[in-house]
Amino acid sequence: MFGTSDVGAKRDVMGAFMFYVTQLIILAGVSTVLVHFLGTAGVVENAGSFFEGGHVNTVIGSIFTLWLGGSILSKRGATSDVMSFAIVAVGVYLAWTSSVMLGLVPIALLTTIGSGK
């Protein structure tokens, strides 16, 4: 249903959309569980929900976006490609300043670009 789980695979536009939806669902689950356990441990208070955009969720989402973009670059061997690196940087910037949901869009579009090998 969601296609290949390989982050380094080249996708078409529909595949990139499904990648976006899948990663958003994974991020919402991971963020919710992580914030719950951090709240139980007393590390965070009033973190808010994932879709509300609380500060803790923004930090977790930005780290997830950076990790996902870095995984794509590493898997493809494109860590020295300036354009791919800039796309990941734009995704992390958007995740930090605007919304994690918006920050995942450049990362999903990055999967449509060839590996460069």
N, C-alpha and C. Protein backbone atom coordinates (compact mmCIF):
# COMPACT_ATOMS: atom_id res chain seq x y z
N MET A 1 0.81 -1.20 0.00
CA MET A 1 0.00 0.00 0.00
C MET A 1 0.86 1.27 0.00
N PHE A 2 1.89 1.29 0.83
CA PHE A 2 2.72 2.48 0.93
C PHE A 2 3.98 2.39 0.09
N GLY A 3 4.15 1.35 -0.69
CA GLY A 3 5.32 1.22 -1.53
C GLY A 3 6.53 0.73 -0.76
N THR A 4 7.69 1.01 -1.30
CA THR A 4 8.92 0.54 -0.69
C THR A 4 9.27 1.38 0.55
N SER A 5 9.89 0.73 1.52
CA SER A 5 10.28 1.45 2.73
C SER A 5 11.73 1.94 2.65
N ASP A 6 12.38 1.72 1.51
CA ASP A 6 13.75 2.15 1.31
C ASP A 6 13.78 3.67 1.14
N VAL A 7 14.49 4.35 2.04
CA VAL A 7 14.52 5.82 1.95
C VAL A 7 15.34 6.30 0.78
N GLY A 8 16.23 5.48 0.26
CA GLY A 8 17.07 5.89 -0.85
C GLY A 8 16.46 5.65 -2.22
N ALA A 9 15.27 5.06 -2.26
CA ALA A 9 14.64 4.74 -3.55
C ALA A 9 14.16 6.02 -4.24
N LYS A 10 14.26 6.03 -5.57
CA LYS A 10 13.73 7.16 -6.35
C LYS A 10 12.24 6.92 -6.54
N ARG A 11 11.44 7.95 -6.27
CA ARG A 11 9.99 7.83 -6.34
C ARG A 11 9.42 8.79 -7.37
N ASP A 12 8.22 8.46 -7.85
CA ASP A 12 7.48 9.41 -8.67
C ASP A 12 6.71 10.33 -7.72
N VAL A 13 5.89 11.22 -8.25
CA VAL A 13 5.18 12.19 -7.42
C VAL A 13 4.21 11.50 -6.47
N MET A 14 3.49 10.51 -6.96
CA MET A 14 2.55 9.80 -6.09
C MET A 14 3.29 9.01 -5.01
N GLY A 15 4.43 8.43 -5.37
CA GLY A 15 5.25 7.74 -4.38
C GLY A 15 5.80 8.69 -3.33
N ALA A 16 6.17 9.89 -3.75
CA ALA A 16 6.65 10.90 -2.80
C ALA A 16 5.53 11.34 -1.87
N PHE A 17 4.31 11.45 -2.40
CA PHE A 17 3.17 11.81 -1.55
C PHE A 17 2.92 10.72 -0.51
N MET A 18 2.96 9.47 -0.93
CA MET A 18 2.75 8.37 0.02
C MET A 18 3.89 8.30 1.03
N PHE A 19 5.12 8.62 0.60
CA PHE A 19 6.25 8.70 1.52
C PHE A 19 6.01 9.78 2.56
N TYR A 20 5.51 10.93 2.11
CA TYR A 20 5.19 12.04 3.01
C TYR A 20 4.15 11.62 4.05
N VAL A 21 3.07 11.01 3.59
CA VAL A 21 2.00 10.59 4.50
C VAL A 21 2.51 9.55 5.50
N THR A 22 3.28 8.59 5.01
CA THR A 22 3.82 7.55 5.88
C THR A 22 4.74 8.14 6.94
N GLN A 23 5.65 9.01 6.54
CA GLN A 23 6.58 9.61 7.50
C GLN A 23 5.86 10.53 8.48
N LEU A 24 4.79 11.19 8.03
CA LEU A 24 4.02 12.04 8.93
C LEU A 24 3.31 11.20 9.98
N ILE A 25 2.78 10.05 9.60
CA ILE A 25 2.13 9.16 10.56
C ILE A 25 3.15 8.62 11.55
N ILE A 26 4.31 8.21 11.05
CA ILE A 26 5.36 7.71 11.94
C ILE A 26 5.80 8.80 12.90
N LEU A 27 6.00 10.01 12.39
CA LEU A 27 6.43 11.12 13.24
C LEU A 27 5.40 11.46 14.30
N ALA A 28 4.13 11.46 13.93
CA ALA A 28 3.08 11.76 14.91
C ALA A 28 3.07 10.72 16.02
N GLY A 29 3.24 9.46 15.66
CA GLY A 29 3.28 8.40 16.67
C GLY A 29 4.50 8.49 17.57
N VAL A 30 5.67 8.65 16.96
CA VAL A 30 6.90 8.73 17.74
C VAL A 30 6.89 9.95 18.65
N SER A 31 6.46 11.08 18.12
CA SER A 31 6.42 12.31 18.90
C SER A 31 5.45 12.21 20.07
N THR A 32 4.28 11.63 19.82
CA THR A 32 3.29 11.50 20.88
C THR A 32 3.80 10.59 22.00
N VAL A 33 4.38 9.47 21.64
CA VAL A 33 4.89 8.53 22.64
C VAL A 33 6.07 9.14 23.39
N LEU A 34 6.97 9.78 22.67
CA LEU A 34 8.13 10.38 23.31
C LEU A 34 7.74 11.50 24.27
N VAL A 35 6.80 12.35 23.85
CA VAL A 35 6.36 13.44 24.73
C VAL A 35 5.64 12.87 25.95
N HIS A 36 4.87 11.80 25.76
CA HIS A 36 4.20 11.18 26.91
C HIS A 36 5.20 10.68 27.93
N PHE A 37 6.24 9.95 27.45
CA PHE A 37 7.23 9.43 28.38
C PHE A 37 8.07 10.54 29.00
N LEU A 38 8.38 11.58 28.24
CA LEU A 38 9.10 12.71 28.83
C LEU A 38 8.25 13.43 29.86
N GLY A 39 6.94 13.53 29.61
CA GLY A 39 6.05 14.14 30.58
C GLY A 39 5.91 13.30 31.83
N THR A 40 5.86 11.99 31.68
CA THR A 40 5.79 11.09 32.83
C THR A 40 7.05 11.18 33.67
N ALA A 41 8.18 11.33 33.02
CA ALA A 41 9.45 11.44 33.73
C ALA A 41 9.65 12.83 34.34
N GLY A 42 8.77 13.77 34.01
CA GLY A 42 8.86 15.11 34.57
C GLY A 42 9.82 16.02 33.83
N VAL A 43 10.23 15.63 32.63
CA VAL A 43 11.17 16.44 31.86
C VAL A 43 10.45 17.62 31.20
N VAL A 44 9.23 17.38 30.69
CA VAL A 44 8.47 18.44 30.03
C VAL A 44 7.10 18.57 30.69
N GLU A 45 6.56 19.76 30.60
CA GLU A 45 5.21 20.02 31.07
C GLU A 45 4.46 20.78 29.99
N ASN A 46 3.18 20.49 29.85
CA ASN A 46 2.32 21.18 28.88
C ASN A 46 2.95 21.23 27.49
N ALA A 47 3.30 20.07 26.98
CA ALA A 47 3.96 20.02 25.68
C ALA A 47 3.00 20.28 24.54
N GLY A 48 1.71 20.07 24.73
CA GLY A 48 0.75 20.26 23.65
C GLY A 48 0.71 19.04 22.75
N SER A 49 -0.19 19.04 21.82
CA SER A 49 -0.30 17.91 20.91
C SER A 49 0.60 18.13 19.70
N PHE A 50 0.76 17.09 18.90
CA PHE A 50 1.61 17.15 17.71
C PHE A 50 1.10 18.19 16.73
N PHE A 51 -0.20 18.21 16.49
CA PHE A 51 -0.77 19.11 15.50
C PHE A 51 -0.92 20.54 16.04
N GLU A 52 -0.82 20.70 17.35
CA GLU A 52 -0.86 22.02 17.95
C GLU A 52 0.46 22.74 17.77
N GLY A 53 1.53 21.99 17.61
CA GLY A 53 2.84 22.59 17.36
C GLY A 53 3.53 23.08 18.60
N GLY A 54 3.44 22.31 19.68
CA GLY A 54 4.14 22.67 20.90
C GLY A 54 5.64 22.69 20.68
N HIS A 55 6.37 23.39 21.54
CA HIS A 55 7.81 23.56 21.36
C HIS A 55 8.54 22.22 21.38
N VAL A 56 8.17 21.33 22.28
CA VAL A 56 8.84 20.04 22.36
C VAL A 56 8.60 19.24 21.09
N ASN A 57 7.38 19.27 20.57
CA ASN A 57 7.08 18.56 19.33
C ASN A 57 7.81 19.18 18.14
N THR A 58 8.03 20.48 18.17
CA THR A 58 8.79 21.13 17.10
C THR A 58 10.24 20.67 17.13
N VAL A 59 10.80 20.55 18.30
CA VAL A 59 12.18 20.08 18.42
C VAL A 59 12.28 18.63 17.94
N ILE A 60 11.37 17.78 18.39
CA ILE A 60 11.38 16.38 17.98
C ILE A 60 11.18 16.27 16.47
N GLY A 61 10.24 17.03 15.93
CA GLY A 61 9.97 16.99 14.50
C GLY A 61 11.13 17.50 13.67
N SER A 62 11.81 18.53 14.14
CA SER A 62 12.96 19.06 13.41
C SER A 62 14.11 18.06 13.41
N ILE A 63 14.32 17.40 14.53
CA ILE A 63 15.35 16.37 14.60
C ILE A 63 14.99 15.20 13.68
N PHE A 64 13.71 14.82 13.66
CA PHE A 64 13.26 13.75 12.78
C PHE A 64 13.46 14.13 11.31
N THR A 65 13.16 15.37 10.97
CA THR A 65 13.33 15.84 9.60
C THR A 65 14.81 15.82 9.21
N LEU A 66 15.67 16.26 10.10
CA LEU A 66 17.11 16.23 9.85
C LEU A 66 17.59 14.79 9.70
N TRP A 67 17.14 13.91 10.57
CA TRP A 67 17.53 12.51 10.49
C TRP A 67 17.06 11.86 9.19
N LEU A 68 15.81 12.12 8.82
CA LEU A 68 15.26 11.53 7.60
C LEU A 68 15.99 12.05 6.36
N GLY A 69 16.22 13.35 6.30
CA GLY A 69 16.95 13.92 5.17
C GLY A 69 18.38 13.41 5.10
N GLY A 70 19.03 13.31 6.25
CA GLY A 70 20.38 12.77 6.29
C GLY A 70 20.43 11.31 5.89
N SER A 71 19.41 10.56 6.26
CA SER A 71 19.34 9.15 5.86
C SER A 71 19.20 9.01 4.36
N ILE A 72 18.40 9.86 3.76
CA ILE A 72 18.23 9.82 2.31
C ILE A 72 19.54 10.17 1.62
N LEU A 73 20.20 11.23 2.08
CA LEU A 73 21.48 11.62 1.47
C LEU A 73 22.54 10.54 1.65
N SER A 74 22.59 9.95 2.83
CA SER A 74 23.58 8.92 3.09
C SER A 74 23.32 7.66 2.27
N LYS A 75 22.07 7.26 2.19
CA LYS A 75 21.71 6.06 1.44
C LYS A 75 22.03 6.22 -0.05
N ARG A 76 21.85 7.41 -0.57
CA ARG A 76 22.11 7.67 -1.99
C ARG A 76 23.56 8.03 -2.27
N GLY A 77 24.33 8.28 -1.24
CA GLY A 77 25.71 8.70 -1.44
C GLY A 77 25.81 10.12 -1.96
N ALA A 78 24.84 10.95 -1.59
CA ALA A 78 24.79 12.32 -2.09
C ALA A 78 25.13 13.33 -1.01
N THR A 79 25.97 12.95 -0.06
CA THR A 79 26.30 13.87 1.02
C THR A 79 27.15 15.04 0.55
N SER A 80 27.78 14.93 -0.60
CA SER A 80 28.57 16.05 -1.12
C SER A 80 27.81 16.86 -2.18
N ASP A 81 26.57 16.49 -2.47
CA ASP A 81 25.75 17.20 -3.44
C ASP A 81 25.15 18.43 -2.76
N VAL A 82 25.52 19.61 -3.22
CA VAL A 82 25.11 20.85 -2.58
C VAL A 82 23.61 21.08 -2.68
N MET A 83 23.02 20.75 -3.83
CA MET A 83 21.59 20.97 -4.00
C MET A 83 20.78 20.08 -3.06
N SER A 84 21.15 18.82 -2.95
CA SER A 84 20.43 17.92 -2.05
C SER A 84 20.60 18.36 -0.60
N PHE A 85 21.80 18.78 -0.25
CA PHE A 85 22.05 19.28 1.10
C PHE A 85 21.22 20.53 1.39
N ALA A 86 21.09 21.41 0.39
CA ALA A 86 20.29 22.63 0.56
C ALA A 86 18.81 22.29 0.73
N ILE A 87 18.33 21.27 0.02
CA ILE A 87 16.92 20.87 0.16
C ILE A 87 16.66 20.36 1.57
N VAL A 88 17.59 19.58 2.12
CA VAL A 88 17.44 19.10 3.49
C VAL A 88 17.48 20.28 4.46
N ALA A 89 18.38 21.22 4.23
CA ALA A 89 18.47 22.40 5.10
C ALA A 89 17.18 23.22 5.06
N VAL A 90 16.59 23.37 3.88
CA VAL A 90 15.31 24.09 3.77
C VAL A 90 14.22 23.34 4.52
N GLY A 91 14.21 22.01 4.41
CA GLY A 91 13.23 21.21 5.13
C GLY A 91 13.35 21.36 6.64
N VAL A 92 14.57 21.34 7.15
CA VAL A 92 14.77 21.51 8.60
C VAL A 92 14.40 22.93 9.02
N TYR A 93 14.75 23.92 8.21
CA TYR A 93 14.38 25.30 8.53
C TYR A 93 12.86 25.47 8.59
N LEU A 94 12.16 24.91 7.60
CA LEU A 94 10.69 25.00 7.60
C LEU A 94 10.09 24.24 8.77
N ALA A 95 10.68 23.10 9.11
CA ALA A 95 10.17 22.33 10.25
C ALA A 95 10.36 23.10 11.54
N TRP A 96 11.45 23.83 11.67
CA TRP A 96 11.71 24.57 12.90
C TRP A 96 10.88 25.86 12.98
N THR A 97 10.77 26.58 11.88
CA THR A 97 10.13 27.89 11.94
C THR A 97 8.63 27.86 11.67
N SER A 98 8.19 27.03 10.75
CA SER A 98 6.78 27.04 10.35
C SER A 98 6.01 25.87 10.94
N SER A 99 6.27 24.70 10.41
CA SER A 99 5.54 23.51 10.82
C SER A 99 6.31 22.29 10.36
N VAL A 100 6.27 21.25 11.16
CA VAL A 100 6.93 20.01 10.79
C VAL A 100 6.25 19.41 9.56
N MET A 101 4.94 19.61 9.47
CA MET A 101 4.21 19.11 8.31
C MET A 101 4.70 19.79 7.03
N LEU A 102 5.04 21.06 7.11
CA LEU A 102 5.58 21.78 5.96
C LEU A 102 7.04 21.41 5.72
N GLY A 103 7.77 21.14 6.78
CA GLY A 103 9.18 20.78 6.64
C GLY A 103 9.42 19.44 5.98
N LEU A 104 8.44 18.54 6.06
CA LEU A 104 8.59 17.24 5.42
C LEU A 104 8.35 17.29 3.91
N VAL A 105 7.78 18.38 3.41
CA VAL A 105 7.50 18.48 1.98
C VAL A 105 8.79 18.49 1.15
N PRO A 106 9.80 19.32 1.47
CA PRO A 106 11.04 19.25 0.68
C PRO A 106 11.74 17.89 0.80
N ILE A 107 11.62 17.26 1.94
CA ILE A 107 12.24 15.94 2.12
C ILE A 107 11.55 14.92 1.22
N ALA A 108 10.22 15.00 1.13
CA ALA A 108 9.49 14.09 0.24
C ALA A 108 9.84 14.38 -1.22
N LEU A 109 9.99 15.65 -1.56
CA LEU A 109 10.37 16.00 -2.93
C LEU A 109 11.81 15.57 -3.25
N LEU A 110 12.64 15.50 -2.23
CA LEU A 110 14.01 15.03 -2.41
C LEU A 110 14.04 13.58 -2.91
N THR A 111 13.03 12.81 -2.56
CA THR A 111 12.99 11.41 -2.99
C THR A 111 12.68 11.29 -4.49
N THR A 112 12.22 12.36 -5.12
CA THR A 112 11.93 12.30 -6.55
C THR A 112 13.15 12.60 -7.41
N ILE A 113 14.20 13.12 -6.80
CA ILE A 113 15.43 13.46 -7.52
C ILE A 113 16.29 12.21 -7.62
N GLY A 114 16.95 12.04 -8.75
CA GLY A 114 17.82 10.88 -8.96
C GLY A 114 18.98 10.87 -7.99
N SER A 115 19.64 9.73 -7.90
CA SER A 115 20.71 9.55 -6.90
C SER A 115 21.99 10.30 -7.26
N GLY A 116 22.18 10.66 -8.51
CA GLY A 116 23.37 11.41 -8.89
C GLY A 116 24.60 10.55 -9.13
N LYS A 117 24.46 9.24 -9.05
CA LYS A 117 25.61 8.34 -9.27
C LYS A 117 25.78 8.08 -10.74
